[in-house]
Amino acid sequence: MTFSTRRHLLACATALAISPLAFAQGDYPSKPITFVVPFAAGSATDQLARALGQAVTEQTRQPVIVENKAGASGMIAAQAVAKAPADGYTVLITTNTTHAANIHLYRKLSYDPVKDFTPITGLGKGGQVLVVPANAPHQSVGDLLAYAKANPGKLSFGSGSSSSRVAGEMLKQLAHVDILHVPYKSNPLAITDLLGGQINLMITDVSTGVPQIKAGKLRALGYSTQKRSAQLPDVPTIAEAGVKGYDMGYWFAAYAPANVPAAVSAKLNQLLGQAVGSAAAKSFFEMSGSEPWTTSQAELAQFQAAETTKWGQVIKAAGITPE
């Protein structure tokens, strides 16, 4: 056998060895995809994941399974995805909670928000709403803060995400009030206790709060960003209501496990980018008062790094000690 013949056979063998992987990437997706959500069913992240899943299914003809793994401020879900096969069939639909805030809120994480993931794309940005029970005596942010100052430690606020918690802590810091924090696995669970009178207030995502506001069960006092919500145009921003400098939004993004093949992550970026512009996603953004936001993979990595620094500064200024 000549050298050139051996070289040709080796090349053929190599091509045969890599062709299944190449085919798998080119044919992606060829089976159902799982979207893992760090929060409970009914949360804003869950609703967005389901809207995106519907759109991805329409594009690919492959089912998208939404799996809720609530608890531990998103760490359970993030860890599960970090340990999943790096094949593109497990995707974390998450927020700044798992990928910018938790690293500053906990002494030990069960995952590394950078090393354990492949950034895919940004998905959306939004704000939160400060709510109290409809039968509460507080008619405005001013009323609420006046009561809190006169009765230090008597009010409590719930939170089911880092965004919700830090928003509450920022309110305490900037308004100079003492309000007890009560943690929950997700915002919908905190809403349940708010309606039941176990806690006094919370700052929650609009999609979780608005249905209860429109049903007359909760009263909206203020919005968390510098711009009013299109869903709640009559509700002043918390800054407008007298808490100068108050501004706390949130973002959604998609991540896959680390080391997903570049062709697969690029395909995911394309599929999810198109899904963000779908009718189902548009309905979610309109309902939640949030806005669509897509990025390249590199842009998401850069944005995450900047946000991690920002959230660290806010958490430190709020005096939150890592748990």
Foldseek 3Di string as FASTA:
>chain_A
DDPVVVVVVVVVVVCVVCVVVVVPLVLPPPEEAEEEEQADPQALLNLLVVLLQVLLCVVNVYHYHYHYNFDPQSLRRVLVQLPDDLALRYKYWYKCQVQAAQVLAAPDGSDDSPQFWQFQKWWWKWWWFKKFFLPDPDPAPVSVLVVQAVPAAPAEEEAQHPLFVLLVLLCCLLSVGHYHYDYDRHDLVRVVVRLVVVHGITIGFQSSPVVCVVVSGMPTHAMQACDDFPSCVPHHHVCVRPRPPGHGMMTIGMIGTPPRDPSSSNVSNVSSVVSSVDPSNVVSCNRRSMGTGIDHSVVVVVVSVVSNVVSSVSCVSSVNHHD
